[in-house]
C-alpha atoms as a PDB file:
ATOM      1  CA  MET A   1      -7.096 -27.463   7.114  1.00  0.00           C
ATOM      2  CA  ASP A   2      -4.831 -30.116   7.871  1.00  0.00           C
ATOM      3  CA  ALA A   3      -1.016 -29.314   7.942  1.00  0.00           C
ATOM      4  CA  ASP A   4      -0.829 -31.409   4.690  1.00  0.00           C
ATOM      5  CA  GLY A   5      -3.476 -28.928   2.942  1.00  0.00           C
ATOM      6  CA  ALA A   6      -5.919 -31.948   3.046  1.00  0.00           C
ATOM      7  CA  ASN A   7      -9.472 -31.215   4.310  1.00  0.00           C
ATOM      8  CA  THR A   8     -10.129 -27.234   3.642  1.00  0.00           C
ATOM      9  CA  THR A   9     -13.084 -25.650   5.070  1.00  0.00           C
ATOM     10  CA  ASN A  10     -14.948 -22.392   3.623  1.00  0.00           C
ATOM     11  CA  LEU A  11     -15.107 -20.396   6.101  1.00  0.00           C
ATOM     12  CA  THR A  12     -17.173 -17.472   4.803  1.00  0.00           C
ATOM     13  CA  ASN A  13     -19.359 -19.772   2.463  1.00  0.00           C
ATOM     14  CA  ASN A  14     -20.692 -16.914  -0.018  1.00  0.00           C
ATOM     15  CA  ILE A  15     -20.155 -15.899  -4.011  1.00  0.00           C
ATOM     16  CA  ALA A  16     -18.199 -12.942  -3.149  1.00  0.00           C
ATOM     17  CA  VAL A  17     -14.468 -12.266  -3.178  1.00  0.00           C
ATOM     18  CA  ASP A  18     -13.004 -13.181   0.036  1.00  0.00           C
ATOM     19  CA  GLU A  19      -9.120 -12.381   0.069  1.00  0.00           C
ATOM     20  CA  GLU A  20      -5.970 -11.329   2.144  1.00  0.00           C
ATOM     21  CA  PRO A  21      -6.658 -13.490   5.258  1.00  0.00           C
ATOM     22  CA  SER A  22      -4.606 -12.720   8.323  1.00  0.00           C
ATOM     23  CA  TRP A  23      -4.583 -14.666  11.504  1.00  0.00           C
ATOM     24  CA  SER A  24      -4.788 -13.454  14.713  1.00  0.00           C
ATOM     25  CA  LEU A  25      -1.902 -13.580  17.230  1.00  0.00           C
ATOM     26  CA  ASP A  26      -3.644 -16.345  19.246  1.00  0.00           C
ATOM     27  CA  GLY A  27      -5.326 -17.956  16.497  1.00  0.00           C
ATOM     28  CA  THR A  28      -8.790 -17.601  17.200  1.00  0.00           C
ATOM     29  CA  GLU A  29      -9.863 -14.981  14.608  1.00  0.00           C
ATOM     30  CA  ILE A  30      -9.172 -14.086  11.180  1.00  0.00           C
ATOM     31  CA  THR A  31      -9.466 -10.485   9.748  1.00  0.00           C
ATOM     32  CA  PHE A  32     -10.270 -10.477   5.673  1.00  0.00           C
ATOM     33  CA  VAL A  33     -11.176  -8.592   2.495  1.00  0.00           C
ATOM     34  CA  SER A  34     -14.361  -9.221   1.602  1.00  0.00           C
ATOM     35  CA  TYR A  35     -16.165  -7.658  -1.637  1.00  0.00           C
ATOM     36  CA  HIS A  36     -19.572  -9.160  -0.242  1.00  0.00           C
ATOM     37  CA  ASP A  37     -21.755  -5.572  -0.839  1.00  0.00           C
ATOM     38  CA  GLY A  38     -19.397  -4.347  -4.477  1.00  0.00           C
ATOM     39  CA  ASP A  39     -16.596  -2.252  -2.747  1.00  0.00           C
ATOM     40  CA  ALA A  40     -13.631  -3.849  -0.490  1.00  0.00           C
ATOM     41  CA  ASP A  41     -14.444  -4.153   3.250  1.00  0.00           C
ATOM     42  CA  ILE A  42     -11.945  -5.159   6.462  1.00  0.00           C
ATOM     43  CA  CYS A  43     -13.822  -8.156   7.486  1.00  0.00           C
ATOM     44  CA  LEU A  44     -13.680 -10.595  10.899  1.00  0.00           C
ATOM     45  CA  ILE A  45     -14.314 -14.101  11.710  1.00  0.00           C
ATOM     46  CA  ARG A  46     -13.576 -16.648  14.339  1.00  0.00           C
ATOM     47  CA  ALA A  47     -11.553 -19.187  13.163  1.00  0.00           C
ATOM     48  CA  ASP A  48     -14.440 -21.528  13.370  1.00  0.00           C
ATOM     49  CA  GLY A  49     -16.331 -19.788  10.612  1.00  0.00           C
ATOM     50  CA  ALA A  50     -18.572 -18.464  13.397  1.00  0.00           C
ATOM     51  CA  ASN A  51     -19.411 -14.658  13.942  1.00  0.00           C
ATOM     52  CA  VAL A  52     -18.431 -12.868  10.757  1.00  0.00           C
ATOM     53  CA  ALA A  53     -18.635  -9.312  11.272  1.00  0.00           C
ATOM     54  CA  ASN A  54     -17.864  -6.087   8.880  1.00  0.00           C
ATOM     55  CA  LEU A  55     -15.514  -3.881  10.553  1.00  0.00           C
ATOM     56  CA  THR A  56     -15.269  -1.172   8.207  1.00  0.00           C
ATOM     57  CA  ASN A  57     -18.676  -1.129   5.899  1.00  0.00           C
ATOM     58  CA  SER A  58     -18.036   2.250   3.860  1.00  0.00           C
ATOM     59  CA  SER A  59     -17.937   3.081   0.145  1.00  0.00           C
ATOM     60  CA  VAL A  60     -14.416   3.242  -0.378  1.00  0.00           C
ATOM     61  CA  ASN A  61     -11.765   0.127  -0.494  1.00  0.00           C
ATOM     62  CA  GLU A  62     -10.068  -1.085   2.445  1.00  0.00           C
ATOM     63  CA  SER A  63      -7.398  -3.419   2.079  1.00  0.00           C
ATOM     64  CA  ARG A  64      -4.592  -5.537   3.374  1.00  0.00           C
ATOM     65  CA  PRO A  65      -5.814  -6.126   7.201  1.00  0.00           C
ATOM     66  CA  ALA A  66      -2.998  -7.102   9.704  1.00  0.00           C
ATOM     67  CA  TRP A  67      -2.886  -7.804  12.925  1.00  0.00           C
ATOM     68  CA  GLY A  68      -0.901  -5.095  15.766  1.00  0.00           C
ATOM     69  CA  ALA A  69       0.453  -6.193  19.080  1.00  0.00           C
ATOM     70  CA  ALA A  70      -1.899  -4.723  21.142  1.00  0.00           C
ATOM     71  CA  PRO A  71      -2.555  -6.461  24.939  1.00  0.00           C
ATOM     72  CA  TRP A  72      -5.210  -8.804  25.106  1.00  0.00           C
ATOM     73  CA  PRO A  73      -8.472  -8.533  24.961  1.00  0.00           C
ATOM     74  CA  ARG A  74      -8.183  -5.557  22.778  1.00  0.00           C
ATOM     75  CA  ARG A  75      -7.768  -6.146  18.893  1.00  0.00           C
ATOM     76  CA  GLU A  76      -5.565  -3.573  16.885  1.00  0.00           C
ATOM     77  CA  ILE A  77      -6.530  -4.339  13.534  1.00  0.00           C
ATOM     78  CA  VAL A  78      -4.497  -1.981  10.675  1.00  0.00           C
ATOM     79  CA  GLY A  79      -5.889  -1.534   7.402  1.00  0.00           C
ATOM     80  CA  ASP A  80      -5.368   0.486   4.589  1.00  0.00           C
ATOM     81  CA  THR A  81      -8.115   2.976   2.842  1.00  0.00           C
ATOM     82  CA  PRO A  82      -7.115   5.245  -0.012  1.00  0.00           C
ATOM     83  CA  ARG A  83      -4.183   7.505   0.983  1.00  0.00           C
ATOM     84  CA  VAL A  84      -4.282   6.487   4.821  1.00  0.00           C
ATOM     85  CA  ALA A  85      -3.885   3.560   7.286  1.00  0.00           C
ATOM     86  CA  ARG A  86      -6.602   3.287   9.767  1.00  0.00           C
ATOM     87  CA  VAL A  87      -6.826   1.263  13.153  1.00  0.00           C
ATOM     88  CA  TRP A  88     -10.101  -1.123  14.161  1.00  0.00           C
END
């Protein structure tokens, strides 16, 4: 997307609800919540739309993915599951 909001691109390109995007600190990856399998899972995608990965893939709803300040190349992604916060 351009700075003015023009030229948007659908990165996930599916019929599921995908929401709560969170950009990595270096701007190369995005975590988001996807309902592609019926419950909310935290997923990871490259900023160019390549390499979608389901990080949680569980039967409970995960939400609010956020990037921690871990030193690179280690990823620290924090999200909520019912009653507990977890790190992936």
